[in-house]
């Protein structure tokens, strides 16, 4: 048997609880899932999934947000209107 060690990580309690629930439904605990993950990292020599950014922050959206912000700062595209429920 090889030597063993402890791995300690900090994570959000809600994330841990949700992960425990999902993993229990698959018949395993968090420690087993972490061991599987790390074994796959070693086997593949990479992450076993492709990390991606939130699609909201894709280059087209970021460019649009910058344009809208610049327009707003320059006073373009700003319309004044009554608030909902406010009488004229």
PDB file of N, CA and C in Angstrom:
ATOM      1  N   UNK A   1       0.848  -1.189   0.000  1.00  0.00           N
ATOM      2  CA  UNK A   1       0.000   0.000   0.000  1.00  0.00           C
ATOM      3  C   UNK A   1       0.888   1.244   0.000  1.00  0.00           C
ATOM      4  N   UNK A   2       0.504   2.238  -0.796  1.00  0.00           N
ATOM      5  CA  UNK A   2       1.304   3.467  -0.850  1.00  0.00           C
ATOM      6  C   UNK A   2       0.968   4.377   0.319  1.00  0.00           C
ATOM      7  N   UNK A   3       1.852   5.329   0.548  1.00  0.00           N
ATOM      8  CA  UNK A   3       1.611   6.310   1.602  1.00  0.00           C
ATOM      9  C   UNK A   3       0.374   7.125   1.259  1.00  0.00           C
ATOM     10  N   UNK A   4      -0.296   7.605   2.271  1.00  0.00           N
ATOM     11  CA  UNK A   4      -1.458   8.472   2.069  1.00  0.00           C
ATOM     12  C   UNK A   4      -1.217   9.795   2.767  1.00  0.00           C
ATOM     13  N   UNK A   5      -1.978  10.796   2.363  1.00  0.00           N
ATOM     14  CA  UNK A   5      -1.909  12.111   2.990  1.00  0.00           C
ATOM     15  C   UNK A   5      -3.309  12.701   3.018  1.00  0.00           C
ATOM     16  N   UNK A   6      -3.462  13.743   3.791  1.00  0.00           N
ATOM     17  CA  UNK A   6      -4.732  14.452   3.857  1.00  0.00           C
ATOM     18  C   UNK A   6      -4.693  15.653   2.931  1.00  0.00           C
ATOM     19  N   UNK A   7      -5.819  15.957   2.324  1.00  0.00           N
ATOM     20  CA  UNK A   7      -5.981  17.141   1.486  1.00  0.00           C
ATOM     21  C   UNK A   7      -7.096  17.966   2.110  1.00  0.00           C
ATOM     22  N   UNK A   8      -6.795  19.206   2.437  1.00  0.00           N
ATOM     23  CA  UNK A   8      -7.790  20.065   3.068  1.00  0.00           C
ATOM     24  C   UNK A   8      -8.078  21.232   2.138  1.00  0.00           C
ATOM     25  N   UNK A   9      -9.362  21.478   1.850  1.00  0.00           N
ATOM     26  CA  UNK A   9      -9.750  22.602   0.992  1.00  0.00           C
ATOM     27  C   UNK A   9     -10.862  23.388   1.668  1.00  0.00           C
ATOM     28  N   UNK A  10     -10.967  24.645   1.291  1.00  0.00           N
ATOM     29  CA  UNK A  10     -12.059  25.493   1.775  1.00  0.00           C
ATOM     30  C   UNK A  10     -13.031  25.693   0.627  1.00  0.00           C
ATOM     31  N   UNK A  11     -14.315  25.538   0.920  1.00  0.00           N
ATOM     32  CA  UNK A  11     -15.327  25.817  -0.083  1.00  0.00           C
ATOM     33  C   UNK A  11     -16.610  26.234   0.593  1.00  0.00           C
ATOM     34  N   UNK A  12     -17.469  26.795  -0.188  1.00  0.00           N
ATOM     35  CA  UNK A  12     -18.758  27.280   0.288  1.00  0.00           C
ATOM     36  C   UNK A  12     -19.573  26.107   0.831  1.00  0.00           C
ATOM     37  N   UNK A  13     -20.194  26.292   1.983  1.00  0.00           N
ATOM     38  CA  UNK A  13     -20.981  25.227   2.611  1.00  0.00           C
ATOM     39  C   UNK A  13     -22.104  24.746   1.703  1.00  0.00           C
ATOM     40  N   UNK A  14     -22.777  25.674   1.034  1.00  0.00           N
ATOM     41  CA  UNK A  14     -23.880  25.289   0.137  1.00  0.00           C
ATOM     42  C   UNK A  14     -23.373  24.417  -1.012  1.00  0.00           C
ATOM     43  N   UNK A  15     -22.219  24.786  -1.568  1.00  0.00           N
ATOM     44  CA  UNK A  15     -21.630  23.976  -2.638  1.00  0.00           C
ATOM     45  C   UNK A  15     -21.311  22.576  -2.135  1.00  0.00           C
ATOM     46  N   UNK A  16     -20.695  22.483  -0.961  1.00  0.00           N
ATOM     47  CA  UNK A  16     -20.374  21.171  -0.384  1.00  0.00           C
ATOM     48  C   UNK A  16     -21.628  20.335  -0.193  1.00  0.00           C
ATOM     49  N   UNK A  17     -22.665  20.949   0.373  1.00  0.00           N
ATOM     50  CA  UNK A  17     -23.905  20.211   0.631  1.00  0.00           C
ATOM     51  C   UNK A  17     -24.561  19.735  -0.662  1.00  0.00           C
ATOM     52  N   UNK A  18     -24.601  20.609  -1.662  1.00  0.00           N
ATOM     53  CA  UNK A  18     -25.195  20.225  -2.946  1.00  0.00           C
ATOM     54  C   UNK A  18     -24.384  19.113  -3.605  1.00  0.00           C
ATOM     55  N   UNK A  19     -23.064  19.228  -3.546  1.00  0.00           N
ATOM     56  CA  UNK A  19     -22.199  18.195  -4.132  1.00  0.00           C
ATOM     57  C   UNK A  19     -22.392  16.869  -3.401  1.00  0.00           C
ATOM     58  N   UNK A  20     -22.476  16.903  -2.071  1.00  0.00           N
ATOM     59  CA  UNK A  20     -22.689  15.679  -1.306  1.00  0.00           C
ATOM     60  C   UNK A  20     -23.987  14.996  -1.720  1.00  0.00           C
ATOM     61  N   UNK A  21     -25.022  15.783  -1.922  1.00  0.00           N
ATOM     62  CA  UNK A  21     -26.316  15.229  -2.326  1.00  0.00           C
ATOM     63  C   UNK A  21     -26.231  14.560  -3.693  1.00  0.00           C
ATOM     64  N   UNK A  22     -25.624  15.254  -4.652  1.00  0.00           N
ATOM     65  CA  UNK A  22     -25.489  14.703  -6.005  1.00  0.00           C
ATOM     66  C   UNK A  22     -24.642  13.441  -5.982  1.00  0.00           C
ATOM     67  N   UNK A  23     -23.499  13.516  -5.300  1.00  0.00           N
ATOM     68  CA  UNK A  23     -22.587  12.380  -5.263  1.00  0.00           C
ATOM     69  C   UNK A  23     -23.196  11.191  -4.527  1.00  0.00           C
ATOM     70  N   UNK A  24     -23.949  11.440  -3.467  1.00  0.00           N
ATOM     71  CA  UNK A  24     -24.611  10.348  -2.746  1.00  0.00           C
ATOM     72  C   UNK A  24     -25.571   9.619  -3.681  1.00  0.00           C
ATOM     73  N   UNK A  25     -26.233  10.369  -4.554  1.00  0.00           N
ATOM     74  CA  UNK A  25     -27.123   9.753  -5.533  1.00  0.00           C
ATOM     75  C   UNK A  25     -26.377   8.879  -6.524  1.00  0.00           C
ATOM     76  N   UNK A  26     -25.086   9.110  -6.664  1.00  0.00           N
ATOM     77  CA  UNK A  26     -24.242   8.313  -7.551  1.00  0.00           C
ATOM     78  C   UNK A  26     -23.498   7.230  -6.769  1.00  0.00           C
ATOM     79  N   UNK A  27     -23.763   7.153  -5.457  1.00  0.00           N
ATOM     80  CA  UNK A  27     -23.171   6.110  -4.633  1.00  0.00           C
ATOM     81  C   UNK A  27     -21.760   6.395  -4.162  1.00  0.00           C
ATOM     82  N   UNK A  28     -21.394   7.671  -4.084  1.00  0.00           N
ATOM     83  CA  UNK A  28     -20.041   7.979  -3.596  1.00  0.00           C
ATOM     84  C   UNK A  28     -20.050   9.211  -2.720  1.00  0.00           C
ATOM     85  N   UNK A  29     -18.956   9.400  -1.992  1.00  0.00           N
ATOM     86  CA  UNK A  29     -18.798  10.585  -1.163  1.00  0.00           C
ATOM     87  C   UNK A  29     -17.864  11.581  -1.861  1.00  0.00           C
ATOM     88  N   UNK A  30     -17.696  12.726  -1.255  1.00  0.00           N
ATOM     89  CA  UNK A  30     -16.872  13.782  -1.844  1.00  0.00           C
ATOM     90  C   UNK A  30     -15.415  13.328  -1.966  1.00  0.00           C
ATOM     91  N   UNK A  31     -14.894  12.648  -0.958  1.00  0.00           N
ATOM     92  CA  UNK A  31     -13.506  12.184  -1.013  1.00  0.00           C
ATOM     93  C   UNK A  31     -13.271  11.270  -2.207  1.00  0.00           C
ATOM     94  N   UNK A  32     -14.192  10.371  -2.452  1.00  0.00           N
ATOM     95  CA  UNK A  32     -14.059   9.464  -3.594  1.00  0.00           C
ATOM     96  C   UNK A  32     -14.099  10.246  -4.901  1.00  0.00           C
ATOM     97  N   UNK A  33     -15.005  11.214  -5.001  1.00  0.00           N
ATOM     98  CA  UNK A  33     -15.102  12.026  -6.218  1.00  0.00           C
ATOM     99  C   UNK A  33     -13.813  12.811  -6.461  1.00  0.00           C
ATOM    100  N   UNK A  34     -13.225  13.341  -5.399  1.00  0.00           N
ATOM    101  CA  UNK A  34     -11.965  14.093  -5.541  1.00  0.00           C
ATOM    102  C   UNK A  34     -10.848  13.151  -5.986  1.00  0.00           C
ATOM    103  N   UNK A  35     -10.800  11.939  -5.418  1.00  0.00           N
ATOM    104  CA  UNK A  35      -9.783  10.968  -5.845  1.00  0.00           C
ATOM    105  C   UNK A  35      -9.960  10.604  -7.319  1.00  0.00           C
ATOM    106  N   UNK A  36     -11.197  10.409  -7.759  1.00  0.00           N
ATOM    107  CA  UNK A  36     -11.462  10.109  -9.171  1.00  0.00           C
ATOM    108  C   UNK A  36     -11.001  11.273 -10.043  1.00  0.00           C
ATOM    109  N   UNK A  37     -11.344  12.489  -9.635  1.00  0.00           N
ATOM    110  CA  UNK A  37     -10.943  13.681 -10.386  1.00  0.00           C
ATOM    111  C   UNK A  37      -9.418  13.753 -10.519  1.00  0.00           C
ATOM    112  N   UNK A  38      -8.709  13.610  -9.401  1.00  0.00           N
ATOM    113  CA  UNK A  38      -7.253  13.709  -9.423  1.00  0.00           C
ATOM    114  C   UNK A  38      -6.619  12.571 -10.227  1.00  0.00           C
ATOM    115  N   UNK A  39      -7.167  11.369 -10.137  1.00  0.00           N
ATOM    116  CA  UNK A  39      -6.649  10.252 -10.924  1.00  0.00           C
ATOM    117  C   UNK A  39      -6.802  10.558 -12.412  1.00  0.00           C
ATOM    118  N   UNK A  40      -7.932  11.147 -12.813  1.00  0.00           N
ATOM    119  CA  UNK A  40      -8.158  11.468 -14.216  1.00  0.00           C
ATOM    120  C   UNK A  40      -7.222  12.577 -14.678  1.00  0.00           C
ATOM    121  N   UNK A  41      -6.937  13.554 -13.810  1.00  0.00           N
ATOM    122  CA  UNK A  41      -5.966  14.608 -14.133  1.00  0.00           C
ATOM    123  C   UNK A  41      -4.611  13.982 -14.436  1.00  0.00           C
ATOM    124  N   UNK A  42      -4.191  13.051 -13.594  1.00  0.00           N
ATOM    125  CA  UNK A  42      -2.890  12.390 -13.791  1.00  0.00           C
ATOM    126  C   UNK A  42      -2.909  11.559 -15.068  1.00  0.00           C
ATOM    127  N   UNK A  43      -3.968  10.809 -15.295  1.00  0.00           N
ATOM    128  CA  UNK A  43      -4.065   9.950 -16.480  1.00  0.00           C
ATOM    129  C   UNK A  43      -4.046  10.768 -17.767  1.00  0.00           C
ATOM    130  N   UNK A  44      -4.861  11.839 -17.813  1.00  0.00           N
ATOM    131  CA  UNK A  44      -4.985  12.660 -19.027  1.00  0.00           C
ATOM    132  C   UNK A  44      -3.906  13.728 -19.141  1.00  0.00           C
ATOM    133  N   UNK A  45      -3.239  13.998 -18.015  1.00  0.00           N
ATOM    134  CA  UNK A  45      -2.261  15.105 -17.962  1.00  0.00           C
ATOM    135  C   UNK A  45      -2.939  16.434 -18.285  1.00  0.00           C
ATOM    136  N   UNK A  46      -4.197  16.544 -17.931  1.00  0.00           N
ATOM    137  CA  UNK A  46      -4.977  17.774 -18.126  1.00  0.00           C
ATOM    138  C   UNK A  46      -6.257  17.659 -17.303  1.00  0.00           C
ATOM    139  N   UNK A  47      -7.034  18.714 -17.304  1.00  0.00           N
ATOM    140  CA  UNK A  47      -8.323  18.652 -16.621  1.00  0.00           C
ATOM    141  C   UNK A  47      -9.262  17.731 -17.397  1.00  0.00           C
ATOM    142  N   UNK A  48     -10.114  16.990 -16.694  1.00  0.00           N
ATOM    143  CA  UNK A  48     -11.026  16.075 -17.384  1.00  0.00           C
ATOM    144  C   UNK A  48     -12.273  16.764 -17.943  1.00  0.00           C
ATOM    145  N   UNK A  49     -12.221  18.055 -18.069  1.00  0.00           N
ATOM    146  CA  UNK A  49     -13.302  18.833 -18.668  1.00  0.00           C
ATOM    147  C   UNK A  49     -12.677  20.090 -19.240  1.00  0.00           C
ATOM    148  N   UNK A  50     -13.407  20.762 -20.091  1.00  0.00           N
ATOM    149  CA  UNK A  50     -12.893  21.984 -20.701  1.00  0.00           C
ATOM    150  C   UNK A  50     -13.439  23.193 -19.951  1.00  0.00           C
ATOM    151  N   UNK A  51     -12.583  23.910 -19.211  1.00  0.00           N
ATOM    152  CA  UNK A  51     -13.071  25.088 -18.491  1.00  0.00           C
ATOM    153  C   UNK A  51     -13.498  26.173 -19.483  1.00  0.00           C
ATOM    154  N   UNK A  52     -14.602  26.800 -19.203  1.00  0.00           N
ATOM    155  CA  UNK A  52     -15.082  27.890 -20.045  1.00  0.00           C
ATOM    156  C   UNK A  52     -15.543  29.038 -19.157  1.00  0.00           C
ATOM    157  N   UNK A  53     -15.565  30.195 -19.721  1.00  0.00           N
ATOM    158  CA  UNK A  53     -16.057  31.356 -19.000  1.00  0.00           C
ATOM    159  C   UNK A  53     -17.565  31.424 -19.122  1.00  0.00           C
ATOM    160  N   UNK A  54     -18.164  32.168 -18.238  1.00  0.00           N
ATOM    161  CA  UNK A  54     -19.592  32.422 -18.326  1.00  0.00           C
ATOM    162  C   UNK A  54     -19.876  33.015 -19.703  1.00  0.00           C
ATOM    163  N   UNK A  55     -20.826  32.460 -20.461  1.00  0.00           N
ATOM    164  CA  UNK A  55     -21.078  32.949 -21.825  1.00  0.00           C
ATOM    165  C   UNK A  55     -21.471  34.423 -21.875  1.00  0.00           C
ATOM    166  N   UNK A  56     -21.935  34.972 -20.767  1.00  0.00           N
ATOM    167  CA  UNK A  56     -22.281  36.387 -20.757  1.00  0.00           C
ATOM    168  C   UNK A  56     -21.064  37.242 -21.079  1.00  0.00           C
ATOM    169  N   UNK A  57     -19.881  36.773 -20.674  1.00  0.00           N
ATOM    170  CA  UNK A  57     -18.663  37.561 -20.841  1.00  0.00           C
ATOM    171  C   UNK A  57     -17.903  37.216 -22.124  1.00  0.00           C
ATOM    172  N   UNK A  58     -18.620  36.756 -23.160  1.00  0.00           N
ATOM    173  CA  UNK A  58     -17.930  36.496 -24.424  1.00  0.00           C
ATOM    174  C   UNK A  58     -17.509  37.819 -25.049  1.00  0.00           C
ATOM    175  N   UNK A  59     -16.629  37.768 -26.030  1.00  0.00           N
ATOM    176  CA  UNK A  59     -16.038  38.996 -26.579  1.00  0.00           C
ATOM    177  C   UNK A  59     -17.081  39.921 -27.196  1.00  0.00           C
ATOM    178  N   UNK A  60     -18.115  39.373 -27.840  1.00  0.00           N
ATOM    179  CA  UNK A  60     -19.155  40.216 -28.447  1.00  0.00           C
ATOM    180  C   UNK A  60     -19.932  40.980 -27.376  1.00  0.00           C
ATOM    181  N   UNK A  61     -20.299  40.293 -26.288  1.00  0.00           N
ATOM    182  CA  UNK A  61     -21.035  40.974 -25.217  1.00  0.00           C
ATOM    183  C   UNK A  61     -20.169  42.027 -24.534  1.00  0.00           C
ATOM    184  N   UNK A  62     -18.915  41.714 -24.281  1.00  0.00           N
ATOM    185  CA  UNK A  62     -18.017  42.667 -23.626  1.00  0.00           C
ATOM    186  C   UNK A  62     -17.862  43.911 -24.504  1.00  0.00           C
ATOM    187  N   UNK A  63     -17.691  43.722 -25.811  1.00  0.00           N
ATOM    188  CA  UNK A  63     -17.568  44.865 -26.728  1.00  0.00           C
ATOM    189  C   UNK A  63     -18.843  45.698 -26.706  1.00  0.00           C
ATOM    190  N   UNK A  64     -19.998  45.039 -26.717  1.00  0.00           N
ATOM    191  CA  UNK A  64     -21.277  45.766 -26.675  1.00  0.00           C
ATOM    192  C   UNK A  64     -21.420  46.539 -25.364  1.00  0.00           C
ATOM    193  N   UNK A  65     -21.080  45.903 -24.253  1.00  0.00           N
ATOM    194  CA  UNK A  65     -21.182  46.581 -22.953  1.00  0.00           C
ATOM    195  C   UNK A  65     -20.271  47.806 -22.887  1.00  0.00           C
ATOM    196  N   UNK A  66     -19.052  47.687 -23.432  1.00  0.00           N
ATOM    197  CA  UNK A  66     -18.140  48.835 -23.451  1.00  0.00           C
ATOM    198  C   UNK A  66     -18.715  49.971 -24.284  1.00  0.00           C
ATOM    199  N   UNK A  67     -19.315  49.640 -25.448  1.00  0.00           N
ATOM    200  CA  UNK A  67     -19.913  50.666 -26.308  1.00  0.00           C
ATOM    201  C   UNK A  67     -21.073  51.353 -25.600  1.00  0.00           C
ATOM    202  N   UNK A  68     -21.941  50.565 -24.980  1.00  0.00           N
ATOM    203  CA  UNK A  68     -23.093  51.132 -24.269  1.00  0.00           C
ATOM    204  C   UNK A  68     -22.622  52.026 -23.128  1.00  0.00           C
ATOM    205  N   UNK A  69     -21.608  51.593 -22.400  1.00  0.00           N
ATOM    206  CA  UNK A  69     -21.076  52.395 -21.300  1.00  0.00           C
ATOM    207  C   UNK A  69     -20.480  53.699 -21.817  1.00  0.00           C
ATOM    208  N   UNK A  70     -19.709  53.626 -22.896  1.00  0.00           N
ATOM    209  CA  UNK A  70     -19.132  54.843 -23.485  1.00  0.00           C
ATOM    210  C   UNK A  70     -20.226  55.785 -23.983  1.00  0.00           C
ATOM    211  N   UNK A  71     -21.258  55.227 -24.627  1.00  0.00           N
ATOM    212  CA  UNK A  71     -22.383  56.045 -25.088  1.00  0.00           C
ATOM    213  C   UNK A  71     -23.080  56.724 -23.907  1.00  0.00           C
ATOM    214  N   UNK A  72     -23.312  55.976 -22.844  1.00  0.00           N
ATOM    215  CA  UNK A  72     -23.985  56.538 -21.666  1.00  0.00           C
ATOM    216  C   UNK A  72     -23.148  57.656 -21.052  1.00  0.00           C
ATOM    217  N   UNK A  73     -21.840  57.448 -20.976  1.00  0.00           N
ATOM    218  CA  UNK A  73     -20.962  58.488 -20.419  1.00  0.00           C
ATOM    219  C   UNK A  73     -20.965  59.738 -21.284  1.00  0.00           C
ATOM    220  N   UNK A  74     -21.150  59.549 -22.600  1.00  0.00           N
ATOM    221  CA  UNK A  74     -21.168  60.686 -23.524  1.00  0.00           C
ATOM    222  C   UNK A  74     -22.570  61.270 -23.681  1.00  0.00           C
ATOM    223  N   UNK A  75     -23.564  60.693 -22.996  1.00  0.00           N
ATOM    224  CA  UNK A  75     -24.925  61.208 -23.074  1.00  0.00           C
ATOM    225  C   UNK A  75     -25.691  60.719 -24.289  1.00  0.00           C
ATOM    226  N   UNK A  76     -25.157  59.771 -25.025  1.00  0.00           N
ATOM    227  CA  UNK A  76     -25.850  59.232 -26.197  1.00  0.00           C
ATOM    228  C   UNK A  76     -26.748  58.071 -25.769  1.00  0.00           C
ATOM    229  N   UNK A  77     -27.913  57.996 -26.423  1.00  0.00           N
ATOM    230  CA  UNK A  77     -28.812  56.873 -26.178  1.00  0.00           C
ATOM    231  C   UNK A  77     -29.531  56.934 -24.845  1.00  0.00           C
ATOM    232  N   UNK A  78     -29.556  58.118 -24.226  1.00  0.00           N
ATOM    233  CA  UNK A  78     -30.216  58.275 -22.930  1.00  0.00           C
ATOM    234  C   UNK A  78     -31.530  59.011 -23.160  1.00  0.00           C
ATOM    235  N   UNK A  79     -32.612  58.422 -22.718  1.00  0.00           N
ATOM    236  CA  UNK A  79     -33.925  59.046 -22.848  1.00  0.00           C
ATOM    237  C   UNK A  79     -34.511  59.260 -21.462  1.00  0.00           C
ATOM    238  N   UNK A  80     -35.150  60.391 -21.292  1.00  0.00           N
ATOM    239  CA  UNK A  80     -35.806  60.667 -20.037  1.00  0.00           C
ATOM    240  C   UNK A  80     -37.262  60.231 -20.146  1.00  0.00           C
ATOM    241  N   UNK A  81     -37.763  59.552 -19.159  1.00  0.00           N
ATOM    242  CA  UNK A  81     -39.161  59.112 -19.176  1.00  0.00           C
ATOM    243  C   UNK A  81     -39.675  59.077 -17.755  1.00  0.00           C
ATOM    244  N   UNK A  82     -41.002  59.064 -17.649  1.00  0.00           N
ATOM    245  CA  UNK A  82     -41.629  59.005 -16.332  1.00  0.00           C
ATOM    246  C   UNK A  82     -41.449  57.613 -15.741  1.00  0.00           C
ATOM    247  N   UNK A  83     -41.341  57.558 -14.421  1.00  0.00           N
ATOM    248  CA  UNK A  83     -41.228  56.284 -13.751  1.00  0.00           C
ATOM    249  C   UNK A  83     -42.579  55.575 -13.788  1.00  0.00           C
ATOM    250  N   UNK A  84     -42.558  54.266 -13.771  1.00  0.00           N
ATOM    251  CA  UNK A  84     -43.813  53.509 -13.751  1.00  0.00           C
ATOM    252  C   UNK A  84     -44.601  53.902 -12.514  1.00  0.00           C
ATOM    253  N   UNK A  85     -45.891  54.104 -12.702  1.00  0.00           N
ATOM    254  CA  UNK A  85     -46.760  54.470 -11.587  1.00  0.00           C
ATOM    255  C   UNK A  85     -46.723  55.956 -11.268  1.00  0.00           C
ATOM    256  N   UNK A  86     -45.866  56.716 -11.926  1.00  0.00           N
ATOM    257  CA  UNK A  86     -45.773  58.141 -11.686  1.00  0.00           C
ATOM    258  C   UNK A  86     -46.673  58.854 -12.689  1.00  0.00           C
ATOM    259  N   UNK A  87     -47.508  59.739 -12.210  1.00  0.00           N
ATOM    260  CA  UNK A  87     -48.416  60.456 -13.098  1.00  0.00           C
ATOM    261  C   UNK A  87     -47.732  61.664 -13.685  1.00  0.00           C
ATOM    262  N   UNK A  88     -48.097  61.975 -14.948  1.00  0.00           N
ATOM    263  CA  UNK A  88     -47.517  63.147 -15.628  1.00  0.00           C
ATOM    264  C   UNK A  88     -48.199  64.413 -15.228  1.00  0.00           C
TER     265      UNK A  88
END
